[in-house]
């Protein structure tokens, strides 16, 4: 399982978080997605191998801009992905 942490510019409220999460859910098959306008990031867990460009193609049309990208391995511990 792959874990991506994307820095996002432009989220200002809970509705922005929902918009980003919905866009990602509709575009790719996810195990988990969690956006935070406080932390200005979104965490995506999926089996897919995705590049920063893949995420930009999904989010750029919405007006949200990716400011950082990191990838690691997600591990499930006690019913939660970490």
N, C-alpha and C. Protein backbone atom coordinates (compact mmCIF):
# COMPACT_ATOMS: atom_id res chain seq x y z
N UNK A 1 0.84 -1.17 0.00
CA UNK A 1 0.00 0.00 0.00
C UNK A 1 0.89 1.24 0.00
N UNK A 2 0.53 2.22 -0.78
CA UNK A 2 1.29 3.46 -0.88
C UNK A 2 0.60 4.59 -0.13
N UNK A 3 1.40 5.38 0.55
CA UNK A 3 0.90 6.54 1.28
C UNK A 3 1.52 7.79 0.67
N UNK A 4 0.66 8.71 0.25
CA UNK A 4 1.11 9.97 -0.33
C UNK A 4 0.67 11.11 0.57
N UNK A 5 1.57 12.02 0.82
CA UNK A 5 1.23 13.24 1.56
C UNK A 5 1.48 14.41 0.62
N UNK A 6 0.40 15.12 0.32
CA UNK A 6 0.47 16.24 -0.61
C UNK A 6 0.22 17.53 0.14
N UNK A 7 1.12 18.48 0.00
CA UNK A 7 0.87 19.82 0.50
C UNK A 7 -0.06 20.50 -0.46
N UNK A 8 -1.11 21.14 0.05
CA UNK A 8 -2.13 21.76 -0.80
C UNK A 8 -2.29 23.22 -0.42
N UNK A 9 -2.27 24.09 -1.42
CA UNK A 9 -2.49 25.52 -1.21
C UNK A 9 -3.89 25.86 -1.72
N UNK A 10 -4.65 26.61 -0.93
CA UNK A 10 -5.95 27.07 -1.39
C UNK A 10 -7.12 26.56 -0.56
N UNK A 11 -6.90 25.60 0.33
CA UNK A 11 -8.00 25.13 1.18
C UNK A 11 -8.18 26.09 2.34
N UNK A 12 -9.43 26.51 2.58
CA UNK A 12 -9.66 27.46 3.65
C UNK A 12 -10.71 27.04 4.66
N UNK A 13 -11.39 25.91 4.39
CA UNK A 13 -12.47 25.49 5.29
C UNK A 13 -12.74 23.99 5.12
N UNK A 14 -13.68 23.50 5.89
CA UNK A 14 -14.05 22.10 5.82
C UNK A 14 -14.65 21.71 4.48
N UNK A 15 -15.37 22.63 3.84
CA UNK A 15 -15.94 22.34 2.52
C UNK A 15 -14.84 22.17 1.48
N UNK A 16 -13.77 22.93 1.62
CA UNK A 16 -12.62 22.77 0.71
C UNK A 16 -12.02 21.38 0.87
N UNK A 17 -11.91 20.93 2.12
CA UNK A 17 -11.39 19.58 2.39
C UNK A 17 -12.27 18.54 1.70
N UNK A 18 -13.58 18.68 1.83
CA UNK A 18 -14.50 17.73 1.22
C UNK A 18 -14.39 17.76 -0.30
N UNK A 19 -14.21 18.93 -0.87
CA UNK A 19 -14.09 19.06 -2.32
C UNK A 19 -12.84 18.33 -2.82
N UNK A 20 -11.71 18.52 -2.15
CA UNK A 20 -10.47 17.85 -2.52
C UNK A 20 -10.63 16.33 -2.38
N UNK A 21 -11.18 15.88 -1.27
CA UNK A 21 -11.37 14.45 -1.03
C UNK A 21 -12.29 13.83 -2.09
N UNK A 22 -13.40 14.50 -2.41
CA UNK A 22 -14.33 13.99 -3.41
C UNK A 22 -13.69 13.90 -4.79
N UNK A 23 -12.92 14.91 -5.16
CA UNK A 23 -12.24 14.91 -6.46
C UNK A 23 -11.30 13.72 -6.57
N UNK A 24 -10.54 13.46 -5.50
CA UNK A 24 -9.60 12.34 -5.51
C UNK A 24 -10.34 11.00 -5.53
N UNK A 25 -11.42 10.88 -4.75
CA UNK A 25 -12.20 9.63 -4.72
C UNK A 25 -12.78 9.30 -6.09
N UNK A 26 -13.24 10.30 -6.81
CA UNK A 26 -13.84 10.09 -8.12
C UNK A 26 -12.81 9.75 -9.18
N UNK A 27 -11.59 10.22 -9.00
CA UNK A 27 -10.55 10.04 -10.02
C UNK A 27 -9.76 8.74 -9.87
N UNK A 28 -9.54 8.30 -8.63
CA UNK A 28 -8.72 7.10 -8.41
C UNK A 28 -9.33 6.23 -7.31
N UNK A 29 -8.98 4.95 -7.33
CA UNK A 29 -9.46 4.02 -6.31
C UNK A 29 -8.58 4.17 -5.07
N UNK A 30 -9.21 4.56 -3.96
CA UNK A 30 -8.48 4.84 -2.72
C UNK A 30 -8.88 3.89 -1.61
N UNK A 31 -7.96 3.68 -0.69
CA UNK A 31 -8.28 2.99 0.56
C UNK A 31 -8.70 4.03 1.60
N UNK A 32 -8.02 5.19 1.57
CA UNK A 32 -8.30 6.26 2.53
C UNK A 32 -7.83 7.59 1.96
N UNK A 33 -8.57 8.64 2.28
CA UNK A 33 -8.14 10.00 1.94
C UNK A 33 -8.56 10.90 3.10
N UNK A 34 -7.67 11.80 3.47
CA UNK A 34 -7.94 12.71 4.58
C UNK A 34 -7.28 14.06 4.29
N UNK A 35 -8.12 15.08 4.11
CA UNK A 35 -7.60 16.43 3.84
C UNK A 35 -7.73 17.29 5.09
N UNK A 36 -6.80 18.23 5.26
CA UNK A 36 -6.84 19.15 6.39
C UNK A 36 -6.49 20.56 5.92
N UNK A 37 -7.44 21.49 6.09
CA UNK A 37 -7.13 22.87 5.72
C UNK A 37 -6.26 23.54 6.78
N UNK A 38 -6.24 22.99 8.00
CA UNK A 38 -5.37 23.52 9.06
C UNK A 38 -3.91 23.19 8.75
N UNK A 39 -3.66 21.94 8.35
CA UNK A 39 -2.29 21.50 8.04
C UNK A 39 -1.91 21.77 6.59
N UNK A 40 -2.88 22.19 5.78
CA UNK A 40 -2.67 22.43 4.34
C UNK A 40 -2.11 21.20 3.64
N UNK A 41 -2.71 20.03 3.94
CA UNK A 41 -2.26 18.82 3.26
C UNK A 41 -3.40 17.83 3.08
N UNK A 42 -3.12 16.83 2.29
CA UNK A 42 -4.04 15.71 2.11
C UNK A 42 -3.21 14.43 2.14
N UNK A 43 -3.72 13.42 2.85
CA UNK A 43 -3.06 12.13 2.93
C UNK A 43 -3.89 11.14 2.13
N UNK A 44 -3.24 10.45 1.20
CA UNK A 44 -3.91 9.50 0.32
C UNK A 44 -3.26 8.14 0.49
N UNK A 45 -4.08 7.11 0.71
CA UNK A 45 -3.58 5.74 0.77
C UNK A 45 -4.26 4.95 -0.33
N UNK A 46 -3.44 4.33 -1.18
CA UNK A 46 -3.94 3.59 -2.33
C UNK A 46 -2.94 2.51 -2.74
N UNK A 47 -3.41 1.56 -3.50
CA UNK A 47 -2.53 0.53 -4.04
C UNK A 47 -1.80 1.02 -5.29
N UNK A 48 -2.29 2.09 -5.89
CA UNK A 48 -1.76 2.59 -7.15
C UNK A 48 -0.43 3.31 -6.98
N UNK A 49 0.37 3.25 -8.03
CA UNK A 49 1.62 4.02 -8.10
C UNK A 49 1.30 5.32 -8.82
N UNK A 50 1.37 6.43 -8.11
CA UNK A 50 1.01 7.73 -8.68
C UNK A 50 2.16 8.72 -8.54
N UNK A 51 2.30 9.57 -9.54
CA UNK A 51 3.33 10.60 -9.48
C UNK A 51 2.70 11.93 -9.08
N UNK A 52 3.54 12.88 -8.83
CA UNK A 52 3.05 14.23 -8.50
C UNK A 52 2.22 14.77 -9.66
N UNK A 53 2.65 14.49 -10.88
CA UNK A 53 1.92 14.94 -12.07
C UNK A 53 0.51 14.35 -12.14
N UNK A 54 0.36 13.08 -11.73
CA UNK A 54 -0.96 12.45 -11.70
C UNK A 54 -1.90 13.22 -10.78
N UNK A 55 -1.40 13.58 -9.61
CA UNK A 55 -2.22 14.34 -8.66
C UNK A 55 -2.51 15.75 -9.19
N UNK A 56 -1.54 16.36 -9.84
CA UNK A 56 -1.74 17.70 -10.39
C UNK A 56 -2.84 17.70 -11.45
N UNK A 57 -2.87 16.66 -12.28
CA UNK A 57 -3.91 16.56 -13.32
C UNK A 57 -5.31 16.51 -12.70
N UNK A 58 -5.40 15.91 -11.52
CA UNK A 58 -6.69 15.79 -10.84
C UNK A 58 -7.07 17.09 -10.14
N UNK A 59 -6.13 17.70 -9.44
CA UNK A 59 -6.45 18.84 -8.58
C UNK A 59 -6.29 20.21 -9.21
N UNK A 60 -5.43 20.36 -10.21
CA UNK A 60 -5.24 21.69 -10.82
C UNK A 60 -6.53 22.31 -11.35
N UNK A 61 -7.41 21.55 -12.02
CA UNK A 61 -8.65 22.17 -12.52
C UNK A 61 -9.57 22.69 -11.41
N UNK A 62 -9.38 22.24 -10.18
CA UNK A 62 -10.23 22.68 -9.06
C UNK A 62 -9.75 24.00 -8.47
N UNK A 63 -8.53 24.41 -8.78
CA UNK A 63 -7.99 25.65 -8.22
C UNK A 63 -7.06 25.42 -7.03
N UNK A 64 -6.99 24.20 -6.54
CA UNK A 64 -6.06 23.88 -5.44
C UNK A 64 -4.72 23.51 -6.05
N UNK A 65 -3.65 24.00 -5.42
CA UNK A 65 -2.30 23.81 -5.98
C UNK A 65 -1.49 22.91 -5.05
N UNK A 66 -0.80 21.94 -5.65
CA UNK A 66 0.07 21.04 -4.87
C UNK A 66 1.39 21.77 -4.63
N UNK A 67 1.76 21.87 -3.35
CA UNK A 67 3.00 22.56 -2.99
C UNK A 67 4.11 21.59 -2.59
N UNK A 68 3.75 20.37 -2.21
CA UNK A 68 4.76 19.36 -1.87
C UNK A 68 4.17 17.98 -2.11
N UNK A 69 5.07 17.00 -2.27
CA UNK A 69 4.69 15.63 -2.58
C UNK A 69 5.67 14.69 -1.91
N UNK A 70 5.14 13.72 -1.18
CA UNK A 70 6.03 12.68 -0.63
C UNK A 70 5.30 11.35 -0.68
N UNK A 71 6.07 10.30 -0.83
CA UNK A 71 5.52 8.95 -0.94
C UNK A 71 6.24 8.05 0.05
N UNK A 72 5.47 7.17 0.71
CA UNK A 72 6.04 6.18 1.61
C UNK A 72 5.15 4.95 1.58
N UNK A 73 5.49 3.97 2.39
CA UNK A 73 4.71 2.74 2.48
C UNK A 73 3.73 2.88 3.65
N UNK A 74 2.46 2.57 3.39
CA UNK A 74 1.44 2.61 4.45
C UNK A 74 1.33 1.23 5.09
N UNK A 75 1.20 1.22 6.39
CA UNK A 75 1.08 -0.02 7.16
C UNK A 75 -0.20 0.05 7.97
N UNK A 76 -0.96 -1.04 7.97
CA UNK A 76 -2.20 -1.08 8.75
C UNK A 76 -1.90 -1.64 10.12
N UNK A 77 -2.22 -0.85 11.15
CA UNK A 77 -2.02 -1.27 12.54
C UNK A 77 -3.30 -1.02 13.31
N UNK A 78 -3.82 -2.07 13.92
CA UNK A 78 -5.02 -1.95 14.75
C UNK A 78 -6.16 -1.25 14.02
N UNK A 79 -6.47 -1.71 12.83
CA UNK A 79 -7.60 -1.22 12.03
C UNK A 79 -7.40 0.19 11.48
N UNK A 80 -6.21 0.76 11.58
CA UNK A 80 -5.95 2.10 11.05
C UNK A 80 -4.71 2.07 10.17
N UNK A 81 -4.74 2.87 9.12
CA UNK A 81 -3.57 3.01 8.24
C UNK A 81 -2.63 4.05 8.83
N UNK A 82 -1.34 3.72 8.81
CA UNK A 82 -0.31 4.66 9.30
C UNK A 82 0.79 4.75 8.30
